[in-house]
Structures are given as C-alpha cells and as structure tokens.
C-alpha cells in the first residue's frame, strides 16, 4: 500500500515541458515545468536536477533579428595608373622616347600579394616590370605627377608626411613640393631601387587611408596592365557587419545603438551601429532577373562596428544575424527564463530556493534568456530554483 500511494503521488506531480513563444528578437524557446501538486503549495517533482539564481535588476532588450554580412570596412578596387608612357626625368622633363610611346601603354604584372595579407605604408601593392607600386597613407587620391614646379596641394602634403614616416626628410612638411622634397624622393627611390628622378610619376604611389587588407585579385601575374586596369580589391583591416535593412525597419536602427551579432558558429559578439543610410535604395536580387515584374525591396544600408575582435576568426563575407533593439525595460526584476513554472490554473510562478514553495509571479518581457517578473515576496536577492539544462 505505501508503494501504491507513492506511485500515485509521483503521478500527480508529473513534469511536462512547455514551449513558450517569446516576443521580440526572433522566436526563442524556453522550457518551463508544470506543477500539478496541491493547489496551496505546489512544488517541482523530486529528482529534477537544479541550481539556484538570485532575482536581479537588469535592463532587458527585446531584439529584432536581421541578416547581415561580416566583412571588412572600406573595400575598394585598386586601379593601375602607371602606363608604359609614364616617365619623368630628374629635372622634371619627359623622356623623349617615352613621349613617342602610345598613350596608355602596358606593363607586365610581375607580383601580387596573396589574398588576406595586409600591406602597410611603404609596402608594394603590386609590381609592374618588377618595380613596386607603393602604398602610402592618405585620403586624397593620386591624380597627377608630383615634382618641382607643380601647384601646392594636399597630395604633396600627404607625400611629405609619408616620406617622414618612412624615414626620409623632405624639409618643411607642407603643401609645397620643394627641392628638399625632391631630395627626399630621390632617397626613397634609391631605397626602392627605382630610377632616382626626384619626381613621383602618376601611379607609382597609391594613397589609401591606412593599412590595406588584400581581397580578390582582379588580374593575374604575367598579364599586361595599362592605365585604368583593375588590379585587386583592398579594404581596411577593421571588421564590420553590413546590413541591407528593410526600409520599414529603419526606426529600429539609430547611430550609436548597441546590437548583438550572432556569428556562423553560434557565438555572439557585441557591436555598435556606426552609420545608417538616409536614402532607401532598391536591393539587388537574383529574383529580379528571373521576374522583371517582381516588386523591388527598398533597403537602408547600415554598418555595425564590432567589439571582441579576437572572437571573429577569419570570417570574411560571412552571413551573420544582428539583433536590433525593438523594445526595452530598464531596471526590472528578472530571473533566467527556465526558472519559470507554468501553474496548472494558468499563469506562472517561481520556486523559492530553500522553502521549495512555488509562488505566483507576473511575467513581463522575455529577452536575452531572462524574463521580467513581479509578485508578492519577489525582491532583489530572492533566490529561486533554476533547473539544470
């Protein structure tokens, strides 16, 4: 008889999993336990492995999940500007034989850095006829030969700053190309085993803002390159997530907002919205080619700056999920979601650690694995039972 009563008691206190649909960022599943014991003092079934957690005040943020692409910021294609006819003498004059060569003449591409490698200031982005095309830092692109007699300009200032950084003295660093600048250029050319003309022909230097990570090669070693040929893609070394955000969700993306990024392996890193486009554009889609009458999707370009870069690995052009803040509750009492108990008569409760009693609570927002709760006797520091997963 005692055995029969024990079995009936255990039957009345069965534990059943219940899936809760969570609002906010995507569909999050939480498992709760249904208490079917006495109505006055329900409790969990014996034998369930559990630990405990404190009721804590925290800010909960419900998020809308959107697709993004993890890559590198500032990608652009490097265009060759160095043709066979480009040549300057030490006195700034042109080589007569070069002047007779056809404009836009070609040179042989003899070396390219491997994709994924990083080129720093003074390094070769590629080589033509075994001579380097050199990376120097700057935001103003090269657009003319730099030599004595040219008008002052920011490109001259950029050149002189780079010469100083590389260990060559151009005298006063300003926007004027002086004889001191020409002397420093000759010293630099000697170090690169270039003809010591004191002038920098158009295309010998590529100004880009900082170190460049090499991406896709647009040409192959051995091919002939003329002025205007694409050589390779290069980007900064800074990791970002690019989002083509549906224009209807634009209000969720504000510059400076914190976001959560889920990587391909399932781990998450924090991020901050760096920029939000102001003009919607039509998203490029393969469906448009198949069906020209398909309605175009309007999107806003959003860029997310990432934290925890050590956890990003070597992912490039990798699909990720980004959680944008949809709603939030500040400084609310909360517990882990799986601390909730679904009561037989409806609603939820939590089991108090120590007394093993389940007390009813009102459940609010679900977010980030936690749930907002309130109820009689629930305060900061109250310990509740949390089943082990």
Protein backbone atom coordinates (compact mmCIF):
# COMPACT_ATOMS: atom_id res chain seq x y z
CA UNK A 1 0.00 0.00 0.00
CA UNK A 2 2.72 2.60 0.78
CA UNK A 3 4.30 1.78 -2.59
CA UNK A 4 0.99 2.36 -4.38
CA UNK A 5 0.44 5.69 -2.63
CA UNK A 6 3.99 6.81 -3.54
CA UNK A 7 3.41 5.99 -7.21
CA UNK A 8 0.11 7.92 -7.20
CA UNK A 9 1.80 10.90 -5.56
CA UNK A 10 4.55 10.88 -8.16
CA UNK A 11 1.97 10.61 -10.94
CA UNK A 12 0.15 13.71 -9.64
CA UNK A 13 3.43 15.69 -9.74
CA UNK A 14 4.48 14.90 -13.29
CA UNK A 15 6.90 17.29 -15.02
CA UNK A 16 5.94 18.29 -18.56
CA UNK A 17 7.92 20.54 -21.00
CA UNK A 18 6.10 23.57 -22.34
CA UNK A 19 7.32 25.77 -25.23
CA UNK A 20 6.79 29.47 -24.73
CA UNK A 21 6.73 31.74 -27.80
CA UNK A 22 8.74 34.81 -26.95
CA UNK A 23 8.08 38.22 -28.46
CA UNK A 24 10.92 40.41 -29.64
CA UNK A 25 14.03 39.29 -31.45
CA UNK A 26 13.00 36.12 -33.27
CA UNK A 27 11.38 33.04 -31.74
CA UNK A 28 13.12 31.99 -28.56
CA UNK A 29 12.09 28.75 -26.88
CA UNK A 30 12.11 28.32 -23.14
CA UNK A 31 11.26 25.17 -21.17
CA UNK A 32 9.16 25.56 -18.04
CA UNK A 33 7.77 22.99 -15.61
CA UNK A 34 4.09 22.42 -14.95
CA UNK A 35 3.30 21.96 -11.27
CA UNK A 36 0.34 19.64 -10.72
CA UNK A 37 0.57 19.09 -7.00
CA UNK A 38 -1.51 20.57 -4.20
CA UNK A 39 -3.09 23.88 -5.11
CA UNK A 40 -1.97 25.63 -1.93
CA UNK A 41 1.71 24.69 -2.07
CA UNK A 42 2.69 23.34 -5.48
CA UNK A 43 6.29 22.20 -5.92
CA UNK A 44 8.52 20.68 -8.56
CA UNK A 45 8.84 16.95 -8.97
CA UNK A 46 11.54 15.39 -6.84
CA UNK A 47 14.68 14.23 -8.61
CA UNK A 48 14.90 17.17 -11.07
CA UNK A 49 18.49 18.41 -11.14
CA UNK A 50 18.53 22.12 -10.34
CA UNK A 51 20.60 25.02 -9.09
CA UNK A 52 19.53 28.48 -7.99
CA UNK A 53 19.80 32.07 -9.08
CA UNK A 54 19.12 35.43 -7.50
CA UNK A 55 16.38 37.76 -8.62
CA UNK A 56 18.33 40.68 -10.08
CA UNK A 57 17.55 44.07 -11.51
CA UNK A 58 18.67 44.44 -15.10
CA UNK A 59 17.77 46.11 -18.37
CA UNK A 60 16.10 43.73 -20.80
CA UNK A 61 16.18 44.41 -24.53
CA UNK A 62 13.92 42.57 -26.97
CA UNK A 63 15.58 42.38 -30.38
CA UNK A 64 14.52 42.06 -34.00
CA UNK A 65 16.82 39.67 -35.87
CA UNK A 66 18.01 40.81 -39.29
CA UNK A 67 20.55 39.38 -41.72
CA UNK A 68 23.99 40.92 -42.15
CA UNK A 69 27.35 40.18 -43.72
CA UNK A 70 30.58 40.14 -41.73
CA UNK A 71 33.47 41.63 -43.67
CA UNK A 72 35.99 44.45 -43.74
CA UNK A 73 35.29 48.16 -43.94
CA UNK A 74 36.23 50.45 -46.79
CA UNK A 75 36.58 47.94 -49.62
CA UNK A 76 37.56 49.39 -52.98
CA UNK A 77 39.22 48.30 -56.20
CA UNK A 78 42.81 49.43 -56.83
CA UNK A 79 43.13 50.80 -60.36
CA UNK A 80 46.51 50.89 -62.11
CA UNK A 81 47.52 54.38 -63.26
CA UNK A 82 51.07 53.51 -64.30
CA UNK A 83 51.39 53.15 -68.06
CA UNK A 84 54.47 52.45 -70.15
CA UNK A 85 54.48 56.06 -71.35
CA UNK A 86 54.70 57.44 -67.78
CA UNK A 87 58.25 58.61 -67.17
CA UNK A 88 59.79 61.74 -65.71
CA UNK A 89 63.37 62.86 -65.73
CA UNK A 90 65.24 64.17 -62.72
CA UNK A 91 64.74 67.69 -63.99
CA UNK A 92 61.01 67.19 -64.36
CA UNK A 93 61.20 66.78 -68.15
CA UNK A 94 59.82 63.83 -70.08
CA UNK A 95 61.78 61.04 -71.70
CA UNK A 96 61.62 61.74 -75.49
CA UNK A 97 61.32 58.04 -76.31
CA UNK A 98 58.51 57.64 -73.76
CA UNK A 99 56.73 60.61 -75.31
CA UNK A 100 56.59 58.74 -78.63
CA UNK A 101 55.10 55.63 -76.99
CA UNK A 102 51.34 55.15 -77.38
CA UNK A 103 49.32 56.61 -74.53
CA UNK A 104 48.16 54.06 -72.03
CA UNK A 105 50.92 51.58 -72.94
CA UNK A 106 51.06 48.37 -70.94
CA UNK A 107 53.44 46.89 -68.41
CA UNK A 108 53.73 43.31 -67.19
CA UNK A 109 52.25 42.44 -63.81
CA UNK A 110 55.10 40.58 -62.09
CA UNK A 111 53.91 40.24 -58.47
CA UNK A 112 50.72 40.37 -56.40
CA UNK A 113 50.25 39.91 -52.63
CA UNK A 114 48.17 36.92 -51.58
CA UNK A 115 44.53 37.46 -50.63
CA UNK A 116 44.12 38.03 -46.89
CA UNK A 117 47.58 39.57 -46.48
CA UNK A 118 47.98 43.12 -45.17
CA UNK A 119 50.05 45.79 -46.90
CA UNK A 120 51.38 48.62 -44.73
CA UNK A 121 52.78 52.06 -45.54
CA UNK A 122 55.70 51.78 -47.94
CA UNK A 123 54.77 48.25 -48.98
CA UNK A 124 54.13 47.11 -52.54
CA UNK A 125 50.50 46.68 -53.53
CA UNK A 126 51.76 45.01 -56.71
CA UNK A 127 54.74 45.11 -59.07
CA UNK A 128 54.93 46.08 -62.73
CA UNK A 129 58.07 45.09 -64.62
CA UNK A 130 59.44 44.12 -61.17
CA UNK A 131 59.04 47.71 -59.89
CA UNK A 132 56.74 48.37 -56.93
CA UNK A 133 53.52 50.34 -56.89
CA UNK A 134 53.72 51.62 -53.32
CA UNK A 135 51.02 52.15 -50.71
CA UNK A 136 51.12 55.47 -48.87
CA UNK A 137 48.51 56.67 -46.40
CA UNK A 138 46.12 59.47 -47.28
CA UNK A 139 42.53 60.31 -48.17
CA UNK A 140 43.25 62.34 -51.32
CA UNK A 141 43.79 60.02 -54.30
CA UNK A 142 46.80 60.45 -56.54
CA UNK A 143 45.76 62.35 -59.66
CA UNK A 144 48.98 63.91 -61.05
CA UNK A 145 52.73 63.52 -61.13
CA UNK A 146 54.41 65.06 -58.07
CA UNK A 147 57.50 67.10 -58.90
CA UNK A 148 59.05 70.52 -58.51
CA UNK A 149 57.05 73.30 -60.11
CA UNK A 150 53.58 71.90 -59.54
CA UNK A 151 50.91 73.85 -57.72
CA UNK A 152 50.58 73.41 -53.96
CA UNK A 153 48.14 70.73 -52.89
CA UNK A 154 47.07 68.21 -50.26
CA UNK A 155 48.58 65.40 -52.29
CA UNK A 156 52.01 66.99 -51.79
CA UNK A 157 51.34 67.25 -48.05
CA UNK A 158 50.36 63.58 -47.98
CA UNK A 159 53.53 62.59 -49.80
CA UNK A 160 55.74 64.54 -47.41
CA UNK A 161 54.03 63.08 -44.33
CA UNK A 162 54.62 59.59 -45.69
CA UNK A 163 58.25 60.34 -46.51
CA UNK A 164 58.79 61.43 -42.91
CA UNK A 165 57.07 58.28 -41.59
CA UNK A 166 59.32 56.16 -43.82
CA UNK A 167 62.48 57.89 -42.55
CA UNK A 168 63.16 60.44 -45.30
CA UNK A 169 63.47 64.19 -44.67
CA UNK A 170 61.52 66.49 -47.06
CA UNK A 171 62.27 69.61 -45.03
CA UNK A 172 59.22 71.63 -44.02
CA UNK A 173 56.13 69.43 -44.24
CA UNK A 174 53.53 71.45 -46.13
CA UNK A 175 51.68 71.53 -49.44
CA UNK A 176 54.66 72.81 -51.43
CA UNK A 177 56.95 70.50 -53.45
CA UNK A 178 60.42 71.95 -52.87
CA UNK A 179 63.96 70.90 -53.71
CA UNK A 180 64.11 69.33 -50.25
CA UNK A 181 61.05 67.29 -51.14
CA UNK A 182 62.72 66.18 -54.38
CA UNK A 183 65.85 65.17 -52.44
CA UNK A 184 63.78 63.07 -50.05
CA UNK A 185 62.01 61.47 -53.01
CA UNK A 186 65.37 60.52 -54.56
CA UNK A 187 66.45 58.90 -51.30
CA UNK A 188 63.17 56.98 -51.19
CA UNK A 189 63.53 55.93 -54.82
CA UNK A 190 67.04 54.66 -54.12
CA UNK A 191 65.71 52.51 -51.28
CA UNK A 192 63.12 51.02 -53.65
CA UNK A 193 65.70 50.50 -56.44
CA UNK A 194 63.81 52.92 -58.68
CA UNK A 195 65.30 55.48 -61.01
CA UNK A 196 66.31 58.44 -58.83
CA UNK A 197 64.43 61.22 -60.60
CA UNK A 198 63.24 63.22 -57.60
CA UNK A 199 59.74 63.14 -59.07
CA UNK A 200 56.91 60.70 -58.40
CA UNK A 201 55.13 59.70 -61.60
CA UNK A 202 51.37 59.23 -61.53
CA UNK A 203 50.61 55.66 -60.50
CA UNK A 204 53.84 54.92 -58.65
CA UNK A 205 52.13 55.71 -55.33
CA UNK A 206 48.59 54.79 -54.30
CA UNK A 207 47.14 56.88 -51.46
CA UNK A 208 44.70 54.93 -49.27
CA UNK A 209 43.58 55.55 -45.68
CA UNK A 210 45.71 53.18 -43.62
CA UNK A 211 46.88 49.57 -43.96
CA UNK A 212 45.11 47.58 -46.65
CA UNK A 213 43.89 44.01 -46.48
CA UNK A 214 44.13 42.35 -49.88
CA UNK A 215 40.90 40.85 -51.18
CA UNK A 216 40.04 39.49 -54.60
CA UNK A 217 42.67 39.64 -57.34
CA UNK A 218 41.37 41.29 -60.48
CA UNK A 219 44.38 40.39 -62.62
CA UNK A 220 46.90 37.55 -62.74
CA UNK A 221 50.67 37.63 -62.65
CA UNK A 222 52.02 37.78 -66.19
CA UNK A 223 49.16 39.79 -67.64
CA UNK A 224 49.65 43.18 -69.28
CA UNK A 225 48.24 46.16 -67.41
CA UNK A 226 47.62 49.57 -68.84
CA UNK A 227 46.36 52.80 -67.36
CA UNK A 228 42.87 52.10 -65.96
CA UNK A 229 43.25 48.34 -65.45
CA UNK A 230 41.75 46.81 -62.32
CA UNK A 231 44.39 45.09 -60.19
CA UNK A 232 42.90 43.95 -56.88
CA UNK A 233 40.34 44.70 -54.21
CA UNK A 234 41.63 46.10 -50.93
CA UNK A 235 39.93 47.09 -47.71
CA UNK A 236 40.81 48.34 -44.27
CA UNK A 237 41.68 45.83 -41.54
CA UNK A 238 38.65 46.88 -39.48
CA UNK A 239 35.87 44.30 -39.14
CA UNK A 240 32.29 45.44 -39.64
CA UNK A 241 28.88 44.00 -40.40
CA UNK A 242 26.99 45.38 -43.40
CA UNK A 243 23.19 45.22 -43.23
CA UNK A 244 20.71 45.82 -46.01
CA UNK A 245 17.89 46.77 -43.67
CA UNK A 246 14.31 46.68 -44.89
CA UNK A 247 13.23 50.31 -45.10
CA UNK A 248 10.17 49.56 -42.96
CA UNK A 249 12.51 48.76 -40.04
CA UNK A 250 14.59 51.93 -40.32
CA UNK A 251 13.28 53.29 -36.99
CA UNK A 252 15.00 50.38 -35.18
CA UNK A 253 18.47 51.41 -36.34
CA UNK A 254 19.96 54.50 -34.74
CA UNK A 255 23.59 55.52 -34.83
CA UNK A 256 25.28 54.56 -31.57
CA UNK A 257 22.76 51.85 -30.60
CA UNK A 258 24.18 48.63 -29.16
CA UNK A 259 23.46 45.42 -31.06
CA UNK A 260 24.20 41.72 -30.67
CA UNK A 261 25.77 39.79 -33.56
CA UNK A 262 25.48 36.02 -33.87
CA UNK A 263 28.41 34.51 -35.79
CA UNK A 264 28.22 31.45 -38.08
CA UNK A 265 29.45 29.17 -35.28
CA UNK A 266 26.68 30.32 -32.94
CA UNK A 267 28.80 32.52 -30.65
CA UNK A 268 27.81 36.15 -30.13
CA UNK A 269 29.71 39.43 -30.03
CA UNK A 270 28.60 42.92 -29.18
CA UNK A 271 28.54 45.74 -31.66
CA UNK A 272 27.50 49.35 -32.15
CA UNK A 273 25.69 50.89 -35.10
CA UNK A 274 28.26 53.08 -36.81
CA UNK A 275 26.18 54.52 -39.64
CA UNK A 276 22.64 54.43 -41.00
CA UNK A 277 21.89 55.37 -44.58
CA UNK A 278 19.40 58.18 -45.09
CA UNK A 279 18.24 57.23 -48.57
CA UNK A 280 16.47 53.96 -49.37
CA UNK A 281 17.58 52.05 -52.44
CA UNK A 282 16.38 49.02 -54.32
CA UNK A 283 18.02 45.80 -53.16
CA UNK A 284 19.77 43.82 -55.86
CA UNK A 285 18.13 40.41 -56.12
CA UNK A 286 18.51 37.35 -58.33
CA UNK A 287 14.72 37.15 -58.41
CA UNK A 288 14.58 40.42 -60.32
CA UNK A 289 16.42 38.85 -63.25
CA UNK A 290 14.05 35.86 -63.25
CA UNK A 291 10.96 38.02 -62.87
CA UNK A 292 11.35 41.61 -64.10
CA UNK A 293 7.86 42.40 -62.77
CA UNK A 294 8.77 41.41 -59.19
CA UNK A 295 8.33 44.23 -56.68
CA UNK A 296 11.67 45.70 -55.65
CA UNK A 297 12.58 45.67 -51.95
CA UNK A 298 13.66 49.01 -50.53
CA UNK A 299 16.56 48.82 -48.08
CA UNK A 300 18.70 51.13 -45.97
CA UNK A 301 22.45 50.50 -45.66
CA UNK A 302 23.53 50.05 -42.04
CA UNK A 303 27.08 49.47 -40.80
CA UNK A 304 27.86 47.87 -37.44
CA UNK A 305 31.22 48.24 -35.70
CA UNK A 306 32.21 45.12 -33.74
CA UNK A 307 33.74 44.52 -30.33
CA UNK A 308 35.53 41.36 -29.19
CA UNK A 309 37.52 41.11 -32.43
CA UNK A 310 39.58 38.18 -31.18
CA UNK A 311 36.48 36.01 -31.40
CA UNK A 312 35.80 36.87 -35.05
CA UNK A 313 38.33 34.43 -36.52
CA UNK A 314 38.93 34.77 -40.24
CA UNK A 315 35.34 35.08 -41.32
CA UNK A 316 35.03 37.19 -44.45
CA UNK A 317 31.80 37.83 -46.36
CA UNK A 318 30.15 35.51 -43.83
CA UNK A 319 26.40 35.63 -43.11
CA UNK A 320 25.51 36.69 -39.56
CA UNK A 321 22.38 37.61 -37.61
CA UNK A 322 22.12 41.02 -35.97
CA UNK A 323 19.74 41.74 -33.09
CA UNK A 324 18.40 45.29 -33.30
CA UNK A 325 16.73 46.74 -30.23
CA UNK A 326 12.96 46.54 -30.65
CA UNK A 327 11.81 47.26 -27.09
CA UNK A 328 13.42 47.52 -23.67
CA UNK A 329 12.66 47.51 -19.95
CA UNK A 330 15.08 49.30 -17.66
CA UNK A 331 15.99 48.23 -14.14
CA UNK A 332 13.36 45.47 -13.82
CA UNK A 333 13.40 42.39 -11.58
CA UNK A 334 14.35 39.37 -13.65
CA UNK A 335 15.27 35.68 -13.49
CA UNK A 336 16.50 33.16 -16.07
CA UNK A 337 13.62 32.11 -18.31
CA UNK A 338 13.81 28.44 -17.30
CA UNK A 339 13.16 29.41 -13.66
CA UNK A 340 9.50 29.93 -14.63
CA UNK A 341 6.94 27.30 -13.63
CA UNK A 342 3.66 27.10 -15.55
CA UNK A 343 0.88 26.74 -12.99
CA UNK A 344 -1.99 24.33 -13.53
CA UNK A 345 -4.63 27.00 -13.22
CA UNK A 346 -2.83 29.34 -15.60
CA UNK A 347 -0.06 31.89 -15.21
CA UNK A 348 3.45 31.38 -13.92
CA UNK A 349 5.37 31.01 -10.71
CA UNK A 350 8.91 30.56 -9.44
CA UNK A 351 10.14 28.09 -6.85
CA UNK A 352 11.81 29.69 -3.84
CA UNK A 353 15.12 28.06 -3.03
CA UNK A 354 15.19 26.61 0.47
CA UNK A 355 11.45 26.50 1.15
CA UNK A 356 10.74 24.69 -2.14
CA UNK A 357 7.48 26.61 -2.43
CA UNK A 358 6.26 27.91 -5.78
CA UNK A 359 4.86 31.44 -5.62
CA UNK A 360 2.85 33.05 -8.45
CA UNK A 361 4.50 35.84 -10.46
CA UNK A 362 3.53 38.10 -13.33
CA UNK A 363 5.81 37.60 -16.33
CA UNK A 364 6.72 40.62 -18.44
CA UNK A 365 9.29 40.95 -21.20
CA UNK A 366 11.35 37.97 -22.34
CA UNK A 367 14.84 38.85 -23.65
CA UNK A 368 18.41 37.58 -23.67
CA UNK A 369 17.48 34.40 -21.76
CA UNK A 370 15.81 36.33 -18.92
CA UNK A 371 12.25 37.26 -18.07
CA UNK A 372 10.85 40.25 -16.21
CA UNK A 373 8.85 39.18 -13.12
CA UNK A 374 6.91 40.76 -10.30
CA UNK A 375 4.85 39.40 -7.43
CA UNK A 376 4.33 39.23 -3.70
CA UNK A 377 7.56 38.45 -1.87
CA UNK A 378 9.71 38.85 -5.00
CA UNK A 379 12.55 41.29 -4.46
CA UNK A 380 16.20 41.76 -5.32
CA UNK A 381 18.29 38.93 -3.86
CA UNK A 382 15.46 36.40 -3.60
CA UNK A 383 16.86 33.03 -4.62
CA UNK A 384 14.83 30.87 -7.00
CA UNK A 385 15.34 27.37 -8.31
CA UNK A 386 16.62 27.03 -11.88
CA UNK A 387 16.54 23.54 -13.45
CA UNK A 388 19.85 22.46 -14.93
CA UNK A 389 19.72 22.20 -18.70
